[in-house]
């Protein structure tokens, strides 16, 4: 995956539906950046999201 990916490209990188990705973004669980009118997901945001899931799993 590139250092930044448009939201629609994220669907092919992870097994999430488009609506699920937007839900995660709205909930603040996946960080995005905007360049002009395109919302991008930095690769580091995916790593952060996975780390968040791991922390939540350990806490459960």
N, C-alpha and C. Protein backbone atom coordinates (compact mmCIF):
# COMPACT_ATOMS: atom_id res chain seq x y z
N UNK A 1 0.86 -1.18 0.00
CA UNK A 1 0.00 0.00 0.00
C UNK A 1 0.90 1.23 0.00
N UNK A 2 0.48 2.26 -0.68
CA UNK A 2 1.22 3.52 -0.73
C UNK A 2 1.21 4.17 0.66
N UNK A 3 2.03 5.20 0.82
CA UNK A 3 2.09 5.90 2.10
C UNK A 3 0.75 6.52 2.47
N UNK A 4 -0.04 6.88 1.45
CA UNK A 4 -1.38 7.39 1.67
C UNK A 4 -2.28 6.77 0.61
N UNK A 5 -3.50 6.47 0.99
CA UNK A 5 -4.42 5.85 0.04
C UNK A 5 -5.78 6.51 0.15
N UNK A 6 -6.44 6.76 -0.98
CA UNK A 6 -7.81 7.25 -0.91
C UNK A 6 -8.69 6.22 -0.21
N UNK A 7 -9.75 6.69 0.41
CA UNK A 7 -10.62 5.79 1.17
C UNK A 7 -11.11 4.62 0.34
N UNK A 8 -11.45 4.84 -0.92
CA UNK A 8 -11.97 3.74 -1.72
C UNK A 8 -10.91 2.67 -1.95
N UNK A 9 -9.62 3.03 -1.95
CA UNK A 9 -8.56 2.03 -2.11
C UNK A 9 -8.37 1.20 -0.86
N UNK A 10 -8.73 1.72 0.27
CA UNK A 10 -8.59 1.00 1.53
C UNK A 10 -9.44 -0.26 1.53
N UNK A 11 -10.56 -0.25 0.84
CA UNK A 11 -11.43 -1.42 0.78
C UNK A 11 -10.70 -2.62 0.21
N UNK A 12 -9.79 -2.40 -0.74
CA UNK A 12 -9.07 -3.53 -1.34
C UNK A 12 -7.93 -4.00 -0.46
N UNK A 13 -7.45 -3.14 0.43
CA UNK A 13 -6.33 -3.49 1.29
C UNK A 13 -6.79 -4.23 2.54
N UNK A 14 -7.98 -3.98 3.00
CA UNK A 14 -8.51 -4.60 4.22
C UNK A 14 -9.89 -5.17 3.91
N UNK A 15 -10.31 -6.15 4.65
CA UNK A 15 -11.61 -6.78 4.37
C UNK A 15 -12.78 -6.00 4.97
N UNK A 16 -12.90 -4.72 4.65
CA UNK A 16 -13.98 -3.88 5.17
C UNK A 16 -14.83 -3.39 4.01
N UNK A 17 -16.11 -3.26 4.26
CA UNK A 17 -16.98 -2.65 3.26
C UNK A 17 -16.77 -1.14 3.27
N UNK A 18 -17.22 -0.50 2.22
CA UNK A 18 -17.11 0.96 2.14
C UNK A 18 -17.82 1.63 3.31
N UNK A 19 -19.01 1.17 3.63
CA UNK A 19 -19.76 1.79 4.73
C UNK A 19 -19.05 1.58 6.06
N UNK A 20 -18.42 0.44 6.26
CA UNK A 20 -17.70 0.17 7.51
C UNK A 20 -16.49 1.10 7.63
N UNK A 21 -15.78 1.32 6.54
CA UNK A 21 -14.63 2.22 6.56
C UNK A 21 -15.06 3.63 6.95
N UNK A 22 -16.13 4.11 6.31
CA UNK A 22 -16.61 5.46 6.63
C UNK A 22 -17.11 5.53 8.08
N UNK A 23 -17.70 4.46 8.55
CA UNK A 23 -18.16 4.42 9.95
C UNK A 23 -16.97 4.54 10.90
N UNK A 24 -15.88 3.83 10.61
CA UNK A 24 -14.68 3.90 11.43
C UNK A 24 -14.06 5.30 11.39
N UNK A 25 -14.08 5.92 10.23
CA UNK A 25 -13.55 7.29 10.10
C UNK A 25 -14.40 8.25 10.91
N UNK A 26 -15.73 8.17 10.77
CA UNK A 26 -16.62 9.07 11.52
C UNK A 26 -16.48 8.88 13.03
N UNK A 27 -16.22 7.65 13.45
CA UNK A 27 -16.07 7.37 14.88
C UNK A 27 -14.69 7.78 15.40
N UNK A 28 -13.80 8.19 14.50
CA UNK A 28 -12.47 8.61 14.92
C UNK A 28 -11.53 7.46 15.17
N UNK A 29 -11.88 6.28 14.70
CA UNK A 29 -11.02 5.11 14.94
C UNK A 29 -9.96 4.94 13.86
N UNK A 30 -10.17 5.55 12.69
CA UNK A 30 -9.16 5.59 11.63
C UNK A 30 -8.95 7.05 11.26
N UNK A 31 -7.69 7.47 11.35
CA UNK A 31 -7.32 8.86 11.06
C UNK A 31 -7.20 9.06 9.56
N UNK A 32 -7.63 10.22 9.10
CA UNK A 32 -7.50 10.57 7.68
C UNK A 32 -6.89 11.96 7.56
N UNK A 33 -6.41 12.25 6.36
CA UNK A 33 -5.95 13.58 6.02
C UNK A 33 -6.64 13.97 4.72
N UNK A 34 -6.78 15.26 4.48
CA UNK A 34 -7.43 15.73 3.26
C UNK A 34 -6.44 16.55 2.45
N UNK A 35 -6.35 16.22 1.17
CA UNK A 35 -5.54 16.98 0.24
C UNK A 35 -6.46 17.42 -0.88
N UNK A 36 -6.68 18.71 -0.96
CA UNK A 36 -7.67 19.28 -1.88
C UNK A 36 -9.03 18.69 -1.50
N UNK A 37 -9.68 17.99 -2.39
CA UNK A 37 -11.00 17.45 -2.05
C UNK A 37 -10.95 15.93 -1.83
N UNK A 38 -9.75 15.37 -1.73
CA UNK A 38 -9.60 13.92 -1.58
C UNK A 38 -9.22 13.60 -0.14
N UNK A 39 -9.97 12.72 0.47
CA UNK A 39 -9.65 12.26 1.82
C UNK A 39 -8.76 11.03 1.70
N UNK A 40 -7.62 11.07 2.38
CA UNK A 40 -6.63 10.00 2.30
C UNK A 40 -6.45 9.35 3.66
N UNK A 41 -6.08 8.07 3.63
CA UNK A 41 -5.76 7.34 4.85
C UNK A 41 -4.26 7.07 4.83
N UNK A 42 -3.49 7.73 5.70
CA UNK A 42 -2.06 7.45 5.75
C UNK A 42 -1.82 6.00 6.18
N UNK A 43 -0.77 5.39 5.64
CA UNK A 43 -0.44 4.01 6.02
C UNK A 43 -0.25 3.92 7.54
N UNK A 44 0.31 4.96 8.14
CA UNK A 44 0.52 4.95 9.59
C UNK A 44 -0.81 4.88 10.35
N UNK A 45 -1.88 5.39 9.74
CA UNK A 45 -3.19 5.33 10.40
C UNK A 45 -3.70 3.89 10.47
N UNK A 46 -3.37 3.08 9.48
CA UNK A 46 -3.77 1.68 9.51
C UNK A 46 -3.02 0.95 10.62
N UNK A 47 -1.72 1.24 10.74
CA UNK A 47 -0.92 0.66 11.82
C UNK A 47 -1.50 1.07 13.17
N UNK A 48 -1.84 2.35 13.32
CA UNK A 48 -2.42 2.84 14.58
C UNK A 48 -3.73 2.13 14.89
N UNK A 49 -4.55 1.90 13.88
CA UNK A 49 -5.84 1.23 14.08
C UNK A 49 -5.62 -0.21 14.54
N UNK A 50 -4.68 -0.90 13.93
CA UNK A 50 -4.38 -2.28 14.34
C UNK A 50 -3.85 -2.31 15.76
N UNK A 51 -2.99 -1.36 16.11
CA UNK A 51 -2.49 -1.28 17.48
C UNK A 51 -3.62 -1.01 18.46
N UNK A 52 -4.57 -0.16 18.08
CA UNK A 52 -5.75 0.10 18.92
C UNK A 52 -6.53 -1.18 19.15
N UNK A 53 -6.74 -1.97 18.10
CA UNK A 53 -7.46 -3.23 18.24
C UNK A 53 -6.73 -4.19 19.16
N UNK A 54 -5.40 -4.22 19.06
CA UNK A 54 -4.61 -5.08 19.93
C UNK A 54 -4.72 -4.65 21.39
N UNK A 55 -4.67 -3.33 21.65
CA UNK A 55 -4.81 -2.84 23.03
C UNK A 55 -6.18 -3.20 23.58
N UNK A 56 -7.20 -3.02 22.77
CA UNK A 56 -8.56 -3.35 23.21
C UNK A 56 -8.70 -4.84 23.50
N UNK A 57 -8.06 -5.67 22.69
CA UNK A 57 -8.14 -7.13 22.90
C UNK A 57 -7.44 -7.52 24.20
N UNK A 58 -6.30 -6.88 24.48
CA UNK A 58 -5.58 -7.19 25.73
C UNK A 58 -6.38 -6.73 26.95
N UNK A 59 -7.09 -5.62 26.81
CA UNK A 59 -7.85 -5.06 27.94
C UNK A 59 -9.12 -5.85 28.22
N UNK A 60 -9.58 -6.60 27.24
CA UNK A 60 -10.85 -7.35 27.40
C UNK A 60 -10.68 -8.59 28.23
